[in-house]
Amino acid sequence: MVTRRRALTGLLAGVIAATVALPASAQAANGTIGQRETVCASDLFVRTQPVGAWMGTLYQGQTFLVEGPRSGGYVYGFAYGHINRRGWVQDGWFC
């Protein structure tokens, strides 16, 4: 019984250690106005207006300059990379 308890305690400690060691960048955050933010989502649609027509897609690791304003969960700014134009993206998907 004592050996089984020790094994269970060791397993639990290993799970906790592995959980704590996860990288913090996996958690998405809201964009900061005036900052060039990195996209954390696997993909992020750039639109003509909040919930508007699709203009292109930013992919994880690409950047977006948050210029503001915010509207209905979307933020306005400049999408770098192959899109290379201003538009709206859903806020909350930046590293």
PDB file of N, CA and C in Angstrom:
ATOM      1  N   MET A   1       0.822  -1.194   0.000  1.00  0.00           N
ATOM      2  CA  MET A   1       0.000   0.000   0.000  1.00  0.00           C
ATOM      3  C   MET A   1       0.869   1.262   0.000  1.00  0.00           C
ATOM      4  N   VAL A   2       1.953   1.254   0.780  1.00  0.00           N
ATOM      5  CA  VAL A   2       2.836   2.419   0.855  1.00  0.00           C
ATOM      6  C   VAL A   2       3.526   2.640  -0.494  1.00  0.00           C
ATOM      7  N   THR A   3       3.949   1.567  -1.160  1.00  0.00           N
ATOM      8  CA  THR A   3       4.609   1.687  -2.462  1.00  0.00           C
ATOM      9  C   THR A   3       3.652   2.266  -3.493  1.00  0.00           C
ATOM     10  N   ARG A   4       2.411   1.831  -3.463  1.00  0.00           N
ATOM     11  CA  ARG A   4       1.401   2.336  -4.388  1.00  0.00           C
ATOM     12  C   ARG A   4       1.155   3.830  -4.155  1.00  0.00           C
ATOM     13  N   ARG A   5       1.102   4.231  -2.908  1.00  0.00           N
ATOM     14  CA  ARG A   5       0.886   5.644  -2.562  1.00  0.00           C
ATOM     15  C   ARG A   5       2.057   6.494  -3.037  1.00  0.00           C
ATOM     16  N   ARG A   6       3.296   5.977  -2.864  1.00  0.00           N
ATOM     17  CA  ARG A   6       4.479   6.714  -3.329  1.00  0.00           C
ATOM     18  C   ARG A   6       4.456   6.876  -4.846  1.00  0.00           C
ATOM     19  N   ALA A   7       4.067   5.819  -5.559  1.00  0.00           N
ATOM     20  CA  ALA A   7       4.005   5.881  -7.017  1.00  0.00           C
ATOM     21  C   ALA A   7       2.971   6.909  -7.464  1.00  0.00           C
ATOM     22  N   LEU A   8       1.817   6.901  -6.799  1.00  0.00           N
ATOM     23  CA  LEU A   8       0.776   7.866  -7.136  1.00  0.00           C
ATOM     24  C   LEU A   8       1.225   9.292  -6.836  1.00  0.00           C
ATOM     25  N   THR A   9       1.904   9.494  -5.733  1.00  0.00           N
ATOM     26  CA  THR A   9       2.419  10.809  -5.365  1.00  0.00           C
ATOM     27  C   THR A   9       3.462  11.279  -6.387  1.00  0.00           C
ATOM     28  N   GLY A  10       4.342  10.370  -6.817  1.00  0.00           N
ATOM     29  CA  GLY A  10       5.356  10.704  -7.820  1.00  0.00           C
ATOM     30  C   GLY A  10       4.731  11.058  -9.153  1.00  0.00           C
ATOM     31  N   LEU A  11       3.708  10.312  -9.546  1.00  0.00           N
ATOM     32  CA  LEU A  11       3.004  10.594 -10.793  1.00  0.00           C
ATOM     33  C   LEU A  11       2.329  11.959 -10.744  1.00  0.00           C
ATOM     34  N   LEU A  12       1.668  12.248  -9.645  1.00  0.00           N
ATOM     35  CA  LEU A  12       0.997  13.536  -9.473  1.00  0.00           C
ATOM     36  C   LEU A  12       2.004  14.682  -9.519  1.00  0.00           C
ATOM     37  N   ALA A  13       3.151  14.511  -8.869  1.00  0.00           N
ATOM     38  CA  ALA A  13       4.193  15.553  -8.890  1.00  0.00           C
ATOM     39  C   ALA A  13       4.699  15.779 -10.310  1.00  0.00           C
ATOM     40  N   GLY A  14       4.841  14.703 -11.093  1.00  0.00           N
ATOM     41  CA  GLY A  14       5.289  14.827 -12.476  1.00  0.00           C
ATOM     42  C   GLY A  14       4.286  15.574 -13.342  1.00  0.00           C
ATOM     43  N   VAL A  15       3.005  15.293 -13.152  1.00  0.00           N
ATOM     44  CA  VAL A  15       1.954  15.981 -13.909  1.00  0.00           C
ATOM     45  C   VAL A  15       1.952  17.463 -13.582  1.00  0.00           C
ATOM     46  N   ILE A  16       2.071  17.794 -12.310  1.00  0.00           N
ATOM     47  CA  ILE A  16       2.094  19.202 -11.888  1.00  0.00           C
ATOM     48  C   ILE A  16       3.312  19.916 -12.477  1.00  0.00           C
ATOM     49  N   ALA A  17       4.465  19.274 -12.431  1.00  0.00           N
ATOM     50  CA  ALA A  17       5.687  19.886 -12.971  1.00  0.00           C
ATOM     51  C   ALA A  17       5.569  20.119 -14.476  1.00  0.00           C
ATOM     52  N   ALA A  18       4.992  19.166 -15.184  1.00  0.00           N
ATOM     53  CA  ALA A  18       4.823  19.317 -16.627  1.00  0.00           C
ATOM     54  C   ALA A  18       3.847  20.434 -16.951  1.00  0.00           C
ATOM     55  N   THR A  19       2.797  20.579 -16.166  1.00  0.00           N
ATOM     56  CA  THR A  19       1.806  21.632 -16.379  1.00  0.00           C
ATOM     57  C   THR A  19       2.411  23.004 -16.145  1.00  0.00           C
ATOM     58  N   VAL A  20       3.197  23.155 -15.110  1.00  0.00           N
ATOM     59  CA  VAL A  20       3.826  24.434 -14.779  1.00  0.00           C
ATOM     60  C   VAL A  20       4.843  24.820 -15.846  1.00  0.00           C
ATOM     61  N   ALA A  21       5.445  23.834 -16.503  1.00  0.00           N
ATOM     62  CA  ALA A  21       6.487  24.102 -17.486  1.00  0.00           C
ATOM     63  C   ALA A  21       5.943  24.505 -18.855  1.00  0.00           C
ATOM     64  N   LEU A  22       4.624  24.541 -19.060  1.00  0.00           N
ATOM     65  CA  LEU A  22       4.060  24.934 -20.339  1.00  0.00           C
ATOM     66  C   LEU A  22       4.426  26.378 -20.661  1.00  0.00           C
ATOM     67  N   PRO A  23       4.716  26.684 -21.938  1.00  0.00           N
ATOM     68  CA  PRO A  23       5.089  28.063 -22.282  1.00  0.00           C
ATOM     69  C   PRO A  23       3.923  29.026 -22.125  1.00  0.00           C
ATOM     70  N   ALA A  24       4.205  30.228 -21.645  1.00  0.00           N
ATOM     71  CA  ALA A  24       3.173  31.245 -21.420  1.00  0.00           C
ATOM     72  C   ALA A  24       2.635  31.803 -22.734  1.00  0.00           C
ATOM     73  N   SER A  25       3.416  31.713 -23.813  1.00  0.00           N
ATOM     74  CA  SER A  25       2.994  32.285 -25.082  1.00  0.00           C
ATOM     75  C   SER A  25       1.785  31.573 -25.690  1.00  0.00           C
ATOM     76  N   ALA A  26       1.401  30.443 -25.129  1.00  0.00           N
ATOM     77  CA  ALA A  26       0.246  29.719 -25.655  1.00  0.00           C
ATOM     78  C   ALA A  26      -1.065  30.414 -25.313  1.00  0.00           C
ATOM     79  N   GLN A  27      -1.013  31.388 -24.419  1.00  0.00           N
ATOM     80  CA  GLN A  27      -2.219  32.100 -24.024  1.00  0.00           C
ATOM     81  C   GLN A  27      -2.331  33.395 -24.826  1.00  0.00           C
ATOM     82  N   ALA A  28      -3.475  33.582 -25.458  1.00  0.00           N
ATOM     83  CA  ALA A  28      -3.689  34.772 -26.277  1.00  0.00           C
ATOM     84  C   ALA A  28      -4.057  35.974 -25.415  1.00  0.00           C
ATOM     85  N   ALA A  29      -3.828  37.174 -25.961  1.00  0.00           N
ATOM     86  CA  ALA A  29      -4.107  38.405 -25.232  1.00  0.00           C
ATOM     87  C   ALA A  29      -4.707  39.442 -26.171  1.00  0.00           C
ATOM     88  N   ASN A  30      -5.289  40.473 -25.596  1.00  0.00           N
ATOM     89  CA  ASN A  30      -5.808  41.596 -26.381  1.00  0.00           C
ATOM     90  C   ASN A  30      -4.652  42.420 -26.919  1.00  0.00           C
ATOM     91  N   GLY A  31      -4.885  43.057 -28.054  1.00  0.00           N
ATOM     92  CA  GLY A  31      -3.867  43.910 -28.649  1.00  0.00           C
ATOM     93  C   GLY A  31      -3.757  45.240 -27.925  1.00  0.00           C
ATOM     94  N   THR A  32      -2.575  45.804 -27.911  1.00  0.00           N
ATOM     95  CA  THR A  32      -2.319  47.101 -27.300  1.00  0.00           C
ATOM     96  C   THR A  32      -2.198  48.142 -28.401  1.00  0.00           C
ATOM     97  N   ILE A  33      -3.003  49.177 -28.327  1.00  0.00           N
ATOM     98  CA  ILE A  33      -2.979  50.227 -29.345  1.00  0.00           C
ATOM     99  C   ILE A  33      -1.583  50.842 -29.405  1.00  0.00           C
ATOM    100  N   GLY A  34      -1.064  50.948 -30.630  1.00  0.00           N
ATOM    101  CA  GLY A  34       0.278  51.484 -30.841  1.00  0.00           C
ATOM    102  C   GLY A  34       1.354  50.416 -30.883  1.00  0.00           C
ATOM    103  N   GLN A  35       1.012  49.164 -30.652  1.00  0.00           N
ATOM    104  CA  GLN A  35       1.982  48.074 -30.644  1.00  0.00           C
ATOM    105  C   GLN A  35       1.807  47.173 -31.860  1.00  0.00           C
ATOM    106  N   ARG A  36       2.909  46.698 -32.378  1.00  0.00           N
ATOM    107  CA  ARG A  36       2.873  45.689 -33.438  1.00  0.00           C
ATOM    108  C   ARG A  36       2.821  44.334 -32.743  1.00  0.00           C
ATOM    109  N   GLU A  37       1.686  43.674 -32.831  1.00  0.00           N
ATOM    110  CA  GLU A  37       1.432  42.439 -32.102  1.00  0.00           C
ATOM    111  C   GLU A  37       1.638  41.215 -32.995  1.00  0.00           C
ATOM    112  N   THR A  38       2.028  40.109 -32.380  1.00  0.00           N
ATOM    113  CA  THR A  38       2.192  38.837 -33.071  1.00  0.00           C
ATOM    114  C   THR A  38       0.924  38.020 -32.915  1.00  0.00           C
ATOM    115  N   VAL A  39       0.464  37.424 -34.000  1.00  0.00           N
ATOM    116  CA  VAL A  39      -0.745  36.600 -33.979  1.00  0.00           C
ATOM    117  C   VAL A  39      -0.437  35.274 -33.292  1.00  0.00           C
ATOM    118  N   CYS A  40      -1.234  34.938 -32.281  1.00  0.00           N
ATOM    119  CA  CYS A  40      -1.085  33.676 -31.553  1.00  0.00           C
ATOM    120  C   CYS A  40      -2.023  32.604 -32.102  1.00  0.00           C
ATOM    121  N   ALA A  41      -3.132  33.007 -32.689  1.00  0.00           N
ATOM    122  CA  ALA A  41      -4.099  32.052 -33.241  1.00  0.00           C
ATOM    123  C   ALA A  41      -3.492  31.364 -34.458  1.00  0.00           C
ATOM    124  N   SER A  42      -4.016  30.203 -34.833  1.00  0.00           N
ATOM    125  CA  SER A  42      -3.513  29.532 -36.031  1.00  0.00           C
ATOM    126  C   SER A  42      -3.825  30.353 -37.282  1.00  0.00           C
ATOM    127  N   ASP A  43      -4.965  31.041 -37.294  1.00  0.00           N
ATOM    128  CA  ASP A  43      -5.276  31.979 -38.365  1.00  0.00           C
ATOM    129  C   ASP A  43      -6.226  33.056 -37.841  1.00  0.00           C
ATOM    130  N   LEU A  44      -6.156  34.217 -38.449  1.00  0.00           N
ATOM    131  CA  LEU A  44      -6.930  35.373 -38.004  1.00  0.00           C
ATOM    132  C   LEU A  44      -7.373  36.147 -39.246  1.00  0.00           C
ATOM    133  N   PHE A  45      -8.684  36.244 -39.454  1.00  0.00           N
ATOM    134  CA  PHE A  45      -9.217  36.917 -40.644  1.00  0.00           C
ATOM    135  C   PHE A  45      -9.086  38.427 -40.524  1.00  0.00           C
ATOM    136  N   VAL A  46      -8.653  39.068 -41.603  1.00  0.00           N
ATOM    137  CA  VAL A  46      -8.615  40.521 -41.709  1.00  0.00           C
ATOM    138  C   VAL A  46      -9.858  40.904 -42.509  1.00  0.00           C
ATOM    139  N   ARG A  47     -10.624  41.865 -41.980  1.00  0.00           N
ATOM    140  CA  ARG A  47     -11.909  42.230 -42.580  1.00  0.00           C
ATOM    141  C   ARG A  47     -11.962  43.720 -42.919  1.00  0.00           C
ATOM    142  N   THR A  48     -12.899  44.087 -43.787  1.00  0.00           N
ATOM    143  CA  THR A  48     -13.069  45.476 -44.198  1.00  0.00           C
ATOM    144  C   THR A  48     -13.664  46.330 -43.094  1.00  0.00           C
ATOM    145  N   GLN A  49     -14.409  45.731 -42.188  1.00  0.00           N
ATOM    146  CA  GLN A  49     -15.018  46.377 -41.023  1.00  0.00           C
ATOM    147  C   GLN A  49     -15.334  45.276 -40.018  1.00  0.00           C
ATOM    148  N   PRO A  50     -15.687  45.615 -38.766  1.00  0.00           N
ATOM    149  CA  PRO A  50     -16.037  44.563 -37.815  1.00  0.00           C
ATOM    150  C   PRO A  50     -17.140  43.665 -38.389  1.00  0.00           C
ATOM    151  N   VAL A  51     -16.912  42.365 -38.412  1.00  0.00           N
ATOM    152  CA  VAL A  51     -17.817  41.352 -38.969  1.00  0.00           C
ATOM    153  C   VAL A  51     -18.116  41.632 -40.444  1.00  0.00           C
ATOM    154  N   GLY A  52     -17.193  42.324 -41.119  1.00  0.00           N
ATOM    155  CA  GLY A  52     -17.386  42.669 -42.526  1.00  0.00           C
ATOM    156  C   GLY A  52     -16.800  41.643 -43.472  1.00  0.00           C
ATOM    157  N   ALA A  53     -16.624  42.063 -44.713  1.00  0.00           N
ATOM    158  CA  ALA A  53     -16.095  41.191 -45.755  1.00  0.00           C
ATOM    159  C   ALA A  53     -14.646  40.808 -45.458  1.00  0.00           C
ATOM    160  N   TRP A  54     -14.297  39.574 -45.806  1.00  0.00           N
ATOM    161  CA  TRP A  54     -12.953  39.046 -45.614  1.00  0.00           C
ATOM    162  C   TRP A  54     -11.994  39.640 -46.643  1.00  0.00           C
ATOM    163  N   MET A  55     -10.805  40.096 -46.179  1.00  0.00           N
ATOM    164  CA  MET A  55      -9.779  40.649 -47.080  1.00  0.00           C
ATOM    165  C   MET A  55      -8.564  39.736 -47.178  1.00  0.00           C
ATOM    166  N   GLY A  56      -8.371  38.912 -46.184  1.00  0.00           N
ATOM    167  CA  GLY A  56      -7.191  38.053 -46.153  1.00  0.00           C
ATOM    168  C   GLY A  56      -7.074  37.381 -44.804  1.00  0.00           C
ATOM    169  N   THR A  57      -6.038  36.568 -44.639  1.00  0.00           N
ATOM    170  CA  THR A  57      -5.831  35.824 -43.404  1.00  0.00           C
ATOM    171  C   THR A  57      -4.406  35.999 -42.918  1.00  0.00           C
ATOM    172  N   LEU A  58      -4.266  36.353 -41.647  1.00  0.00           N
ATOM    173  CA  LEU A  58      -2.967  36.349 -40.982  1.00  0.00           C
ATOM    174  C   LEU A  58      -2.810  34.993 -40.314  1.00  0.00           C
ATOM    175  N   TYR A  59      -1.599  34.464 -40.325  1.00  0.00           N
ATOM    176  CA  TYR A  59      -1.335  33.167 -39.718  1.00  0.00           C
ATOM    177  C   TYR A  59      -0.436  33.325 -38.495  1.00  0.00           C
ATOM    178  N   GLN A  60      -0.427  32.314 -37.652  1.00  0.00           N
ATOM    179  CA  GLN A  60       0.346  32.342 -36.412  1.00  0.00           C
ATOM    180  C   GLN A  60       1.778  32.785 -36.705  1.00  0.00           C
ATOM    181  N   GLY A  61       2.245  33.753 -35.912  1.00  0.00           N
ATOM    182  CA  GLY A  61       3.593  34.291 -36.067  1.00  0.00           C
ATOM    183  C   GLY A  61       3.663  35.555 -36.908  1.00  0.00           C
ATOM    184  N   GLN A  62       2.625  35.835 -37.715  1.00  0.00           N
ATOM    185  CA  GLN A  62       2.603  37.075 -38.486  1.00  0.00           C
ATOM    186  C   GLN A  62       2.199  38.232 -37.575  1.00  0.00           C
ATOM    187  N   THR A  63       2.345  39.459 -38.055  1.00  0.00           N
ATOM    188  CA  THR A  63       2.138  40.615 -37.179  1.00  0.00           C
ATOM    189  C   THR A  63       1.057  41.554 -37.678  1.00  0.00           C
ATOM    190  N   PHE A  64       0.526  42.320 -36.706  1.00  0.00           N
ATOM    191  CA  PHE A  64      -0.554  43.280 -36.941  1.00  0.00           C
ATOM    192  C   PHE A  64      -0.282  44.483 -36.054  1.00  0.00           C
ATOM    193  N   LEU A  65      -0.197  45.683 -36.650  1.00  0.00           N
ATOM    194  CA  LEU A  65      -0.009  46.918 -35.892  1.00  0.00           C
ATOM    195  C   LEU A  65      -1.381  47.400 -35.434  1.00  0.00           C
ATOM    196  N   VAL A  66      -1.624  47.377 -34.145  1.00  0.00           N
ATOM    197  CA  VAL A  66      -2.917  47.802 -33.593  1.00  0.00           C
ATOM    198  C   VAL A  66      -2.933  49.321 -33.551  1.00  0.00           C
ATOM    199  N   GLU A  67      -3.811  49.920 -34.345  1.00  0.00           N
ATOM    200  CA  GLU A  67      -3.906  51.370 -34.426  1.00  0.00           C
ATOM    201  C   GLU A  67      -5.145  51.903 -33.715  1.00  0.00           C
ATOM    202  N   GLY A  68      -6.110  51.032 -33.426  1.00  0.00           N
ATOM    203  CA  GLY A  68      -7.355  51.458 -32.799  1.00  0.00           C
ATOM    204  C   GLY A  68      -8.274  52.027 -33.854  1.00  0.00           C
ATOM    205  N   PRO A  69      -9.500  52.302 -33.644  1.00  0.00           N
ATOM    206  CA  PRO A  69     -10.221  52.078 -32.394  1.00  0.00           C
ATOM    207  C   PRO A  69     -10.682  50.621 -32.275  1.00  0.00           C
ATOM    208  N   ARG A  70     -11.354  50.326 -31.163  1.00  0.00           N
ATOM    209  CA  ARG A  70     -11.978  49.023 -30.945  1.00  0.00           C
ATOM    210  C   ARG A  70     -13.469  49.158 -31.204  1.00  0.00           C
ATOM    211  N   SER A  71     -14.058  48.067 -31.720  1.00  0.00           N
ATOM    212  CA  SER A  71     -15.490  48.079 -31.967  1.00  0.00           C
ATOM    213  C   SER A  71     -16.020  46.651 -31.951  1.00  0.00           C
ATOM    214  N   GLY A  72     -16.897  46.362 -31.001  1.00  0.00           N
ATOM    215  CA  GLY A  72     -17.553  45.066 -30.942  1.00  0.00           C
ATOM    216  C   GLY A  72     -16.629  43.864 -30.908  1.00  0.00           C
ATOM    217  N   GLY A  73     -15.524  43.964 -30.198  1.00  0.00           N
ATOM    218  CA  GLY A  73     -14.587  42.851 -30.108  1.00  0.00           C
ATOM    219  C   GLY A  73     -13.566  42.811 -31.237  1.00  0.00           C
ATOM    220  N   TYR A  74     -13.576  43.822 -32.096  1.00  0.00           N
ATOM    221  CA  TYR A  74     -12.620  43.926 -33.199  1.00  0.00           C
ATOM    222  C   TYR A  74     -11.721  45.134 -32.967  1.00  0.00           C
ATOM    223  N   VAL A  75     -10.540  45.105 -33.593  1.00  0.00           N
ATOM    224  CA  VAL A  75      -9.599  46.209 -33.490  1.00  0.00           C
ATOM    225  C   VAL A  75      -9.072  46.528 -34.887  1.00  0.00           C
ATOM    226  N   TYR A  76      -8.840  47.830 -35.134  1.00  0.00           N
ATOM    227  CA  TYR A  76      -8.393  48.317 -36.443  1.00  0.00           C
ATOM    228  C   TYR A  76      -6.877  48.449 -36.458  1.00  0.00           C
ATOM    229  N   GLY A  77      -6.269  48.178 -37.611  1.00  0.00           N
ATOM    230  CA  GLY A  77      -4.835  48.362 -37.730  1.00  0.00           C
ATOM    231  C   GLY A  77      -4.297  47.914 -39.069  1.00  0.00           C
ATOM    232  N   PHE A  78      -2.976  47.716 -39.116  1.00  0.00           N
ATOM    233  CA  PHE A  78      -2.288  47.357 -40.353  1.00  0.00           C
ATOM    234  C   PHE A  78      -1.800  45.923 -40.278  1.00  0.00           C
ATOM    235  N   ALA A  79      -2.222  45.097 -41.243  1.00  0.00           N
ATOM    236  CA  ALA A  79      -1.813  43.697 -41.327  1.00  0.00           C
ATOM    237  C   ALA A  79      -0.568  43.600 -42.207  1.00  0.00           C
ATOM    238  N   TYR A  80       0.547  43.191 -41.609  1.00  0.00           N
ATOM    239  CA  TYR A  80       1.800  43.047 -42.357  1.00  0.00           C
ATOM    240  C   TYR A  80       1.809  41.737 -43.131  1.00  0.00           C
ATOM    241  N   GLY A  81       2.880  41.506 -43.880  1.00  0.00           N
ATOM    242  CA  GLY A  81       3.035  40.258 -44.622  1.00  0.00           C
ATOM    243  C   GLY A  81       2.383  40.331 -45.980  1.00  0.00           C
ATOM    244  N   HIS A  82       1.802  39.230 -46.404  1.00  0.00           N
ATOM    245  CA  HIS A  82       1.218  39.160 -47.746  1.00  0.00           C
ATOM    246  C   HIS A  82      -0.046  40.002 -47.888  1.00  0.00           C
ATOM    247  N   ILE A  83      -0.708  40.368 -46.781  1.00  0.00           N
ATOM    248  CA  ILE A  83      -1.912  41.213 -46.851  1.00  0.00           C
ATOM    249  C   ILE A  83      -1.492  42.662 -47.061  1.00  0.00           C
ATOM    250  N   ASN A  84      -0.646  43.164 -46.180  1.00  0.00           N
ATOM    251  CA  ASN A  84      -0.019  44.484 -46.324  1.00  0.00           C
ATOM    252  C   ASN A  84      -1.026  45.611 -46.544  1.00  0.00           C
ATOM    253  N   ARG A  85      -2.064  45.651 -45.722  1.00  0.00           N
ATOM    254  CA  ARG A  85      -3.067  46.719 -45.798  1.00  0.00           C
ATOM    255  C   ARG A  85      -3.805  46.843 -44.477  1.00  0.00           C
ATOM    256  N   ARG A  86      -4.550  47.934 -44.349  1.00  0.00           N
ATOM    257  CA  ARG A  86      -5.302  48.186 -43.121  1.00  0.00           C
ATOM    258  C   ARG A  86      -6.632  47.458 -43.138  1.00  0.00           C
ATOM    259  N   GLY A  87      -7.059  47.044 -41.939  1.00  0.00           N
ATOM    260  CA  GLY A  87      -8.334  46.365 -41.808  1.00  0.00           C
ATOM    261  C   GLY A  87      -8.638  46.084 -40.349  1.00  0.00           C
ATOM    262  N   TRP A  88      -9.638  45.269 -40.137  1.00  0.00           N
ATOM    263  CA  TRP A  88     -10.118  44.915 -38.798  1.00  0.00           C
ATOM    264  C   TRP A  88      -9.865  43.430 -38.524  1.00  0.00           C
ATOM    265  N   VAL A  89      -9.430  43.111 -37.300  1.00  0.00           N
ATOM    266  CA  VAL A  89      -9.286  41.723 -36.874  1.00  0.00           C
ATOM    267  C   VAL A  89      -9.985  41.559 -35.525  1.00  0.00           C
ATOM    268  N   GLN A  90     -10.375  40.328 -35.239  1.00  0.00           N
ATOM    269  CA  GLN A  90     -10.966  40.054 -33.941  1.00  0.00           C
ATOM    270  C   GLN A  90      -9.889  40.195 -32.879  1.00  0.00           C
ATOM    271  N   ASP A  91     -10.164  40.975 -31.842  1.00  0.00           N
ATOM    272  CA  ASP A  91      -9.207  41.211 -30.767  1.00  0.00           C
ATOM    273  C   ASP A  91      -9.121  39.980 -29.866  1.00  0.00           C
ATOM    274  N   GLY A  92      -8.014  39.841 -29.174  1.00  0.00           N
ATOM    275  CA  GLY A  92      -7.848  38.767 -28.207  1.00  0.00           C
ATOM    276  C   GLY A  92      -7.070  37.579 -28.736  1.00  0.00           C
ATOM    277  N   TRP A  93      -6.453  37.705 -29.907  1.00  0.00           N
ATOM    278  CA  TRP A  93      -5.718  36.581 -30.503  1.00  0.00           C
ATOM    279  C   TRP A  93      -4.243  36.889 -30.716  1.00  0.00           C
ATOM    280  N   PHE A  94      -3.693  37.758 -29.863  1.00  0.00           N
ATOM    281  CA  PHE A  94      -2.280  38.122 -29.970  1.00  0.00           C
ATOM    282  C   PHE A  94      -1.493  37.507 -28.819  1.00  0.00           C
ATOM    283  N   CYS A  95      -0.205  37.283 -29.066  1.00  0.00           N
ATOM    284  CA  CYS A  95       0.672  36.700 -28.023  1.00  0.00           C
ATOM    285  C   CYS A  95       1.046  37.749 -26.987  1.00  0.00           C
TER     286      CYS A  95
END
